[in-house]
Amino acid sequence: MNKIQMNDNKTLKLTNVLCYKIPLDDEDINIDMSIQKMQSYIKVKGAVQIGPLIQYTRTIMNENNEIDMELIMMLQCSNFIHNVANQNFRGLPKIVSNEL
């Protein structure tokens, strides 16, 4: 199995990516269940997951000038799934994008 190389300040170009923004203000959110739903959605659409789960974390300033954290989970697919941006699929909160 190949090792994953870690680099600082390197841009990662991804296509056919299913993204899910985790609602951190919801205490009842089950991240594992959300990831399983994403994987299941990919399989139902006839695609295959490529590579590992990618976790993207960033900080942003909210309207009160306080720092908030944003967490996005990403799974890359073998082929394009129709545009699923801003749609809700079977309990999975809004999926962000197919392409980043």
C-alpha atoms as a PDB file:
ATOM      1  CA  MET A   1       0.000   0.000   0.000  1.00  0.00           C
ATOM      2  CA  ASN A   2       1.325   3.442  -0.929  1.00  0.00           C
ATOM      3  CA  LYS A   3       2.094   5.982   1.757  1.00  0.00           C
ATOM      4  CA  ILE A   4       0.224   9.289   1.806  1.00  0.00           C
ATOM      5  CA  GLN A   5       2.610  12.203   1.385  1.00  0.00           C
ATOM      6  CA  MET A   6       1.984  15.289   3.500  1.00  0.00           C
ATOM      7  CA  ASN A   7       2.975  18.715   2.136  1.00  0.00           C
ATOM      8  CA  ASP A   8       2.434  22.219   3.478  1.00  0.00           C
ATOM      9  CA  ASN A   9       0.985  24.936   1.233  1.00  0.00           C
ATOM     10  CA  LYS A  10       0.068  22.530  -1.549  1.00  0.00           C
ATOM     11  CA  THR A  11      -3.214  22.889  -3.412  1.00  0.00           C
ATOM     12  CA  LEU A  12      -5.223  19.705  -3.781  1.00  0.00           C
ATOM     13  CA  LYS A  13      -7.326  19.622  -6.961  1.00  0.00           C
ATOM     14  CA  LEU A  14     -10.340  17.360  -6.622  1.00  0.00           C
ATOM     15  CA  THR A  15     -13.071  16.475  -9.116  1.00  0.00           C
ATOM     16  CA  ASN A  16     -16.285  14.503  -8.605  1.00  0.00           C
ATOM     17  CA  VAL A  17     -16.269  15.242  -4.898  1.00  0.00           C
ATOM     18  CA  LEU A  18     -19.211  14.815  -2.555  1.00  0.00           C
ATOM     19  CA  CYS A  19     -18.895  17.320   0.314  1.00  0.00           C
ATOM     20  CA  TYR A  20     -20.792  17.627   3.557  1.00  0.00           C
ATOM     21  CA  LYS A  21     -20.540  20.622   5.877  1.00  0.00           C
ATOM     22  CA  ILE A  22     -20.871  19.369   9.461  1.00  0.00           C
ATOM     23  CA  PRO A  23     -23.286  21.495  11.522  1.00  0.00           C
ATOM     24  CA  LEU A  24     -21.132  21.991  14.628  1.00  0.00           C
ATOM     25  CA  ASP A  25     -23.923  23.771  16.503  1.00  0.00           C
ATOM     26  CA  ASP A  26     -26.020  20.567  16.509  1.00  0.00           C
ATOM     27  CA  GLU A  27     -25.099  18.459  19.557  1.00  0.00           C
ATOM     28  CA  ASP A  28     -27.017  15.412  18.267  1.00  0.00           C
ATOM     29  CA  ILE A  29     -25.081  15.127  14.990  1.00  0.00           C
ATOM     30  CA  ASN A  30     -23.565  11.712  14.349  1.00  0.00           C
ATOM     31  CA  ILE A  31     -20.577  12.290  12.073  1.00  0.00           C
ATOM     32  CA  ASP A  32     -19.986   8.555  11.502  1.00  0.00           C
ATOM     33  CA  MET A  33     -23.594   8.084  10.363  1.00  0.00           C
ATOM     34  CA  SER A  34     -23.330  11.091   8.028  1.00  0.00           C
ATOM     35  CA  ILE A  35     -20.178   9.664   6.412  1.00  0.00           C
ATOM     36  CA  GLN A  36     -21.863   6.255   6.004  1.00  0.00           C
ATOM     37  CA  LYS A  37     -24.798   7.991   4.294  1.00  0.00           C
ATOM     38  CA  MET A  38     -22.415   9.747   1.911  1.00  0.00           C
ATOM     39  CA  GLN A  39     -20.707   6.436   1.073  1.00  0.00           C
ATOM     40  CA  SER A  40     -24.068   4.751   0.586  1.00  0.00           C
ATOM     41  CA  TYR A  41     -25.263   7.574  -1.698  1.00  0.00           C
ATOM     42  CA  ILE A  42     -22.144   7.169  -3.846  1.00  0.00           C
ATOM     43  CA  LYS A  43     -22.763   3.404  -4.179  1.00  0.00           C
ATOM     44  CA  VAL A  44     -26.469   3.843  -4.998  1.00  0.00           C
ATOM     45  CA  LYS A  45     -25.547   6.215  -7.841  1.00  0.00           C
ATOM     46  CA  GLY A  46     -23.231   3.573  -9.350  1.00  0.00           C
ATOM     47  CA  ALA A  47     -19.983   5.303  -8.473  1.00  0.00           C
ATOM     48  CA  VAL A  48     -17.040   4.100  -6.414  1.00  0.00           C
ATOM     49  CA  GLN A  49     -15.215   6.023  -3.716  1.00  0.00           C
ATOM     50  CA  ILE A  50     -11.658   6.931  -4.718  1.00  0.00           C
ATOM     51  CA  GLY A  51      -9.116   7.568  -2.000  1.00  0.00           C
ATOM     52  CA  PRO A  52      -9.585   8.332   1.673  1.00  0.00           C
ATOM     53  CA  LEU A  53     -12.050  10.542   3.488  1.00  0.00           C
ATOM     54  CA  ILE A  54     -10.787  14.133   3.357  1.00  0.00           C
ATOM     55  CA  GLN A  55     -11.449  16.428   6.298  1.00  0.00           C
ATOM     56  CA  TYR A  56     -11.221  20.170   5.616  1.00  0.00           C
ATOM     57  CA  THR A  57     -11.231  22.483   8.628  1.00  0.00           C
ATOM     58  CA  ARG A  58     -11.060  26.255   8.594  1.00  0.00           C
ATOM     59  CA  THR A  59     -11.841  29.179  10.837  1.00  0.00           C
ATOM     60  CA  ILE A  60     -14.093  32.044   9.796  1.00  0.00           C
ATOM     61  CA  MET A  61     -15.287  35.269  11.397  1.00  0.00           C
ATOM     62  CA  ASN A  62     -19.014  35.382  12.145  1.00  0.00           C
ATOM     63  CA  GLU A  63     -21.282  38.427  12.218  1.00  0.00           C
ATOM     64  CA  ASN A  64     -20.295  39.115  15.859  1.00  0.00           C
ATOM     65  CA  ASN A  65     -16.584  39.203  14.929  1.00  0.00           C
ATOM     66  CA  GLU A  66     -16.015  35.936  16.759  1.00  0.00           C
ATOM     67  CA  ILE A  67     -14.077  33.017  15.349  1.00  0.00           C
ATOM     68  CA  ASP A  68     -16.159  30.057  14.215  1.00  0.00           C
ATOM     69  CA  MET A  69     -14.882  26.730  12.976  1.00  0.00           C
ATOM     70  CA  GLU A  70     -16.155  25.107   9.789  1.00  0.00           C
ATOM     71  CA  LEU A  71     -15.703  21.381   9.182  1.00  0.00           C
ATOM     72  CA  ILE A  72     -16.297  19.805   5.757  1.00  0.00           C
ATOM     73  CA  MET A  73     -16.038  16.095   4.980  1.00  0.00           C
ATOM     74  CA  MET A  74     -15.216  15.134   1.376  1.00  0.00           C
ATOM     75  CA  LEU A  75     -15.342  11.875  -0.565  1.00  0.00           C
ATOM     76  CA  GLN A  76     -14.045  11.634  -4.125  1.00  0.00           C
ATOM     77  CA  CYS A  77     -16.045   9.513  -6.599  1.00  0.00           C
ATOM     78  CA  SER A  78     -15.022   7.560  -9.678  1.00  0.00           C
ATOM     79  CA  ASN A  79     -17.478   9.411 -11.904  1.00  0.00           C
ATOM     80  CA  PHE A  80     -19.714  12.483 -11.926  1.00  0.00           C
ATOM     81  CA  ILE A  81     -22.977  12.253  -9.988  1.00  0.00           C
ATOM     82  CA  HIS A  82     -25.570  14.779 -11.139  1.00  0.00           C
ATOM     83  CA  ASN A  83     -25.331  18.189  -9.462  1.00  0.00           C
ATOM     84  CA  VAL A  84     -26.404  17.586  -5.868  1.00  0.00           C
ATOM     85  CA  ALA A  85     -25.504  21.031  -4.505  1.00  0.00           C
ATOM     86  CA  ASN A  86     -27.844  22.413  -1.845  1.00  0.00           C
ATOM     87  CA  GLN A  87     -30.134  19.398  -1.791  1.00  0.00           C
ATOM     88  CA  ASN A  88     -31.156  17.211   1.121  1.00  0.00           C
ATOM     89  CA  PHE A  89     -30.970  13.429   0.584  1.00  0.00           C
ATOM     90  CA  ARG A  90     -32.617  11.070   3.091  1.00  0.00           C
ATOM     91  CA  GLY A  91     -31.626  12.819   6.292  1.00  0.00           C
ATOM     92  CA  LEU A  92     -28.158  13.834   5.127  1.00  0.00           C
ATOM     93  CA  PRO A  93     -27.944  17.596   5.610  1.00  0.00           C
ATOM     94  CA  LYS A  94     -27.113  19.777   2.633  1.00  0.00           C
ATOM     95  CA  ILE A  95     -24.329  18.506   0.440  1.00  0.00           C
ATOM     96  CA  VAL A  96     -22.011  21.311  -0.571  1.00  0.00           C
ATOM     97  CA  SER A  97     -20.631  20.459  -4.009  1.00  0.00           C
ATOM     98  CA  ASN A  98     -19.695  17.880  -6.606  1.00  0.00           C
ATOM     99  CA  GLU A  99     -16.522  19.639  -7.703  1.00  0.00           C
ATOM    100  CA  LEU A 100     -13.867  21.565  -5.789  1.00  0.00           C
END
